[in-house]
Each structure stands twice: as structure tokens, then as C-alpha cells.
Amino acid sequence: MDFTVEVLLKGTDEVVTETVTYGGADAAGWTDSDVREMLLSTLRIFERVSAGEAAAGEVSLRGLSWIVTATNLGVMIAIEIPSGAIAAGPFDLPADELTQMVTRVISAGTQTVGVH
């Protein structure tokens, strides 16, 4: 399945658009693992656009604000981080379902293991 990622860097007025081809299940059959891969793919594009050739390729599911919203084409996820904004989609699944999955994935991605 394909989805679009739009990146707007802070301090610019140019939106960079890329298409992602995801080899996993269609959005209607996504699991939390699929949502994690979608988010990481989206953030990697942002990293590449913002850092260019110097992009490290490592991204994290921390330090971002996000919202899932329904459109006439499907649901979109909008992500805001200190250096810009990203929109990804559309995805063919209910907005509340994607919201729940993103919530779980981001929560799991920010947990740390403590040593007592």
C-alpha cells in the first residue's frame, strides 16, 4: 500500500511531498507493529528532508505531538515536532482505531527499563 508524507520545516514555506510504499498489510488490517513502522517511516522522511545527506537514519517516537483526523479520503495523522510538521495518509481505517494504536505505540516507544 502507498501513502503520502508531507513535510513542512519550521521557518520555510515549502512543503516536501514523498510517497511511501509499505509492504505490510493494508491499513484496515494493521496491528500496532504496522503502525509503528508507518510512524518510523514517516519520521525517517522528515529526518532526511531536514538533515539532507547528513541524516543519521535513526528516529525516535519521542518529543512529538500528534493528532489523527478523518478526511474525505480517509484518516490522516499530523505530527508536530520542534523543527517542523508532518502529515501522513490517507489511511483506510477508523480514526478512533488509529488513534488507539498510535497511543499504544508511542507509549511503548517511550518506556524505559529501570535497574533497581
C-alpha atoms as a PDB file:
ATOM      1  CA  MET A   1       0.000   0.000   0.000  1.00  0.00           C
ATOM      2  CA  ASP A   2       1.103   3.562  -0.677  1.00  0.00           C
ATOM      3  CA  PHE A   3       0.621   6.648   1.443  1.00  0.00           C
ATOM      4  CA  THR A   4       1.774  10.247   1.180  1.00  0.00           C
ATOM      5  CA  VAL A   5       4.033  12.074   3.616  1.00  0.00           C
ATOM      6  CA  GLU A   6       4.157  15.875   3.561  1.00  0.00           C
ATOM      7  CA  VAL A   7       6.915  17.693   5.453  1.00  0.00           C
ATOM      8  CA  LEU A   8       6.995  21.363   6.370  1.00  0.00           C
ATOM      9  CA  LEU A   9      10.150  22.526   8.124  1.00  0.00           C
ATOM     10  CA  LYS A  10       9.911  25.371  10.625  1.00  0.00           C
ATOM     11  CA  GLY A  11      10.930  28.670   9.054  1.00  0.00           C
ATOM     12  CA  THR A  12      10.140  27.557   5.499  1.00  0.00           C
ATOM     13  CA  ASP A  13       7.080  27.737   3.308  1.00  0.00           C
ATOM     14  CA  GLU A  14       7.892  24.811   1.017  1.00  0.00           C
ATOM     15  CA  VAL A  15       6.094  21.512   1.576  1.00  0.00           C
ATOM     16  CA  VAL A  16       8.081  18.447   0.529  1.00  0.00           C
ATOM     17  CA  THR A  17       5.888  15.519  -0.520  1.00  0.00           C
ATOM     18  CA  GLU A  18       7.013  11.897  -0.776  1.00  0.00           C
ATOM     19  CA  THR A  19       5.162   8.643  -1.354  1.00  0.00           C
ATOM     20  CA  VAL A  20       5.851   5.687   0.925  1.00  0.00           C
ATOM     21  CA  THR A  21       5.257   2.150  -0.279  1.00  0.00           C
ATOM     22  CA  TYR A  22       4.542  -0.011   2.749  1.00  0.00           C
ATOM     23  CA  GLY A  23       4.944  -3.731   2.141  1.00  0.00           C
ATOM     24  CA  GLY A  24       2.829  -4.803   5.110  1.00  0.00           C
ATOM     25  CA  ALA A  25      -0.904  -5.200   5.453  1.00  0.00           C
ATOM     26  CA  ASP A  26      -3.395  -2.652   4.164  1.00  0.00           C
ATOM     27  CA  ALA A  27      -4.338  -0.117   6.828  1.00  0.00           C
ATOM     28  CA  ALA A  28      -7.674  -1.802   7.565  1.00  0.00           C
ATOM     29  CA  GLY A  29      -5.734  -4.840   8.828  1.00  0.00           C
ATOM     30  CA  TRP A  30      -2.968  -3.017  10.696  1.00  0.00           C
ATOM     31  CA  THR A  31      -1.598  -4.111  14.029  1.00  0.00           C
ATOM     32  CA  ASP A  32       0.411  -1.944  16.418  1.00  0.00           C
ATOM     33  CA  SER A  33       3.556  -3.208  14.679  1.00  0.00           C
ATOM     34  CA  ASP A  34       2.331  -1.857  11.335  1.00  0.00           C
ATOM     35  CA  VAL A  35       1.507   1.496  12.923  1.00  0.00           C
ATOM     36  CA  ARG A  36       4.994   1.632  14.456  1.00  0.00           C
ATOM     37  CA  GLU A  37       6.548   1.025  11.032  1.00  0.00           C
ATOM     38  CA  MET A  38       4.343   3.690   9.450  1.00  0.00           C
ATOM     39  CA  LEU A  39       5.370   6.217  12.108  1.00  0.00           C
ATOM     40  CA  LEU A  40       9.066   5.366  11.817  1.00  0.00           C
ATOM     41  CA  SER A  41       8.933   5.570   8.005  1.00  0.00           C
ATOM     42  CA  THR A  42       7.228   8.940   8.255  1.00  0.00           C
ATOM     43  CA  LEU A  43       9.784  10.281  10.733  1.00  0.00           C
ATOM     44  CA  ARG A  44      12.682   8.987   8.601  1.00  0.00           C
ATOM     45  CA  ILE A  45      11.392  11.064   5.707  1.00  0.00           C
ATOM     46  CA  PHE A  46      11.234  14.106   7.974  1.00  0.00           C
ATOM     47  CA  GLU A  47      14.800  13.426   9.114  1.00  0.00           C
ATOM     48  CA  ARG A  48      16.015  13.103   5.523  1.00  0.00           C
ATOM     49  CA  VAL A  49      14.264  16.316   4.453  1.00  0.00           C
ATOM     50  CA  SER A  50      15.555  18.292   7.447  1.00  0.00           C
ATOM     51  CA  ALA A  51      19.119  16.931   7.581  1.00  0.00           C
ATOM     52  CA  GLY A  52      19.689  16.092   3.907  1.00  0.00           C
ATOM     53  CA  GLU A  53      22.668  13.846   3.247  1.00  0.00           C
ATOM     54  CA  ALA A  54      23.717  14.137   6.896  1.00  0.00           C
ATOM     55  CA  ALA A  55      20.595  12.241   8.053  1.00  0.00           C
ATOM     56  CA  ALA A  56      21.544   9.527  10.526  1.00  0.00           C
ATOM     57  CA  GLY A  57      18.511   7.372   9.739  1.00  0.00           C
ATOM     58  CA  GLU A  58      17.765   6.803  13.423  1.00  0.00           C
ATOM     59  CA  VAL A  59      14.489   8.271  14.612  1.00  0.00           C
ATOM     60  CA  SER A  60      12.587   8.122  17.864  1.00  0.00           C
ATOM     61  CA  LEU A  61       8.932   8.158  18.823  1.00  0.00           C
ATOM     62  CA  ARG A  62       9.577  10.822  21.466  1.00  0.00           C
ATOM     63  CA  GLY A  63       9.171  14.587  21.594  1.00  0.00           C
ATOM     64  CA  LEU A  64       6.265  14.845  19.213  1.00  0.00           C
ATOM     65  CA  SER A  65       2.661  15.929  19.306  1.00  0.00           C
ATOM     66  CA  TRP A  66       0.191  14.221  17.029  1.00  0.00           C
ATOM     67  CA  ILE A  67      -3.434  14.026  16.048  1.00  0.00           C
ATOM     68  CA  VAL A  68      -5.447  11.663  13.868  1.00  0.00           C
ATOM     69  CA  THR A  69      -8.185  13.257  11.809  1.00  0.00           C
ATOM     70  CA  ALA A  70     -10.757  11.978   9.342  1.00  0.00           C
ATOM     71  CA  THR A  71     -10.868  13.446   5.833  1.00  0.00           C
ATOM     72  CA  ASN A  72     -12.993  12.641   2.803  1.00  0.00           C
ATOM     73  CA  LEU A  73     -10.124  10.420   1.543  1.00  0.00           C
ATOM     74  CA  GLY A  74      -9.521   8.500   4.798  1.00  0.00           C
ATOM     75  CA  VAL A  75      -7.748   9.268   8.052  1.00  0.00           C
ATOM     76  CA  MET A  76      -4.563  11.306   8.286  1.00  0.00           C
ATOM     77  CA  ILE A  77      -2.026  11.669  11.052  1.00  0.00           C
ATOM     78  CA  ALA A  78      -0.479  15.071  11.670  1.00  0.00           C
ATOM     79  CA  ILE A  79       2.729  15.179  13.690  1.00  0.00           C
ATOM     80  CA  GLU A  80       4.375  18.264  15.108  1.00  0.00           C
ATOM     81  CA  ILE A  81       7.916  18.323  16.422  1.00  0.00           C
ATOM     82  CA  PRO A  82      10.018  21.349  17.385  1.00  0.00           C
ATOM     83  CA  SER A  83      11.621  21.645  13.932  1.00  0.00           C
ATOM     84  CA  GLY A  84       8.514  21.213  11.780  1.00  0.00           C
ATOM     85  CA  ALA A  85       5.345  19.342  10.934  1.00  0.00           C
ATOM     86  CA  ILE A  86       4.435  16.175   9.064  1.00  0.00           C
ATOM     87  CA  ALA A  87       1.181  14.871   7.605  1.00  0.00           C
ATOM     88  CA  ALA A  88       0.814  11.226   6.542  1.00  0.00           C
ATOM     89  CA  GLY A  89      -2.008   9.301   4.910  1.00  0.00           C
ATOM     90  CA  PRO A  90      -4.694   8.816   3.936  1.00  0.00           C
ATOM     91  CA  PHE A  91      -5.313   5.501   5.634  1.00  0.00           C
ATOM     92  CA  ASP A  92      -8.433   3.360   5.303  1.00  0.00           C
ATOM     93  CA  LEU A  93      -9.404   2.648   8.908  1.00  0.00           C
ATOM     94  CA  PRO A  94     -11.498   4.390  11.555  1.00  0.00           C
ATOM     95  CA  ALA A  95      -9.885   7.450  13.154  1.00  0.00           C
ATOM     96  CA  ASP A  96     -10.530   6.188  16.693  1.00  0.00           C
ATOM     97  CA  GLU A  97      -8.854   2.857  15.903  1.00  0.00           C
ATOM     98  CA  LEU A  98      -5.713   4.543  14.521  1.00  0.00           C
ATOM     99  CA  THR A  99      -5.712   6.929  17.488  1.00  0.00           C
ATOM    100  CA  GLN A 100      -5.732   3.999  19.934  1.00  0.00           C
ATOM    101  CA  MET A 101      -2.944   2.196  18.063  1.00  0.00           C
ATOM    102  CA  VAL A 102      -0.746   5.311  17.836  1.00  0.00           C
ATOM    103  CA  THR A 103      -1.286   5.954  21.546  1.00  0.00           C
ATOM    104  CA  ARG A 104      -0.140   2.416  22.412  1.00  0.00           C
ATOM    105  CA  VAL A 105       2.839   2.505  20.045  1.00  0.00           C
ATOM    106  CA  ILE A 106       4.129   5.857  21.260  1.00  0.00           C
ATOM    107  CA  SER A 107       3.621   4.857  24.893  1.00  0.00           C
ATOM    108  CA  ALA A 108       5.548   1.637  24.331  1.00  0.00           C
ATOM    109  CA  GLY A 109       8.294   3.531  22.491  1.00  0.00           C
ATOM    110  CA  THR A 110       8.938   5.870  25.405  1.00  0.00           C
ATOM    111  CA  GLN A 111       9.057   3.308  28.183  1.00  0.00           C
ATOM    112  CA  THR A 112      12.415   2.712  29.760  1.00  0.00           C
ATOM    113  CA  VAL A 113      13.706  -0.223  31.713  1.00  0.00           C
ATOM    114  CA  GLY A 114      14.920   0.714  35.168  1.00  0.00           C
ATOM    115  CA  VAL A 115      17.544  -1.084  37.186  1.00  0.00           C
ATOM    116  CA  HIS A 116      16.752  -1.348  40.886  1.00  0.00           C
END
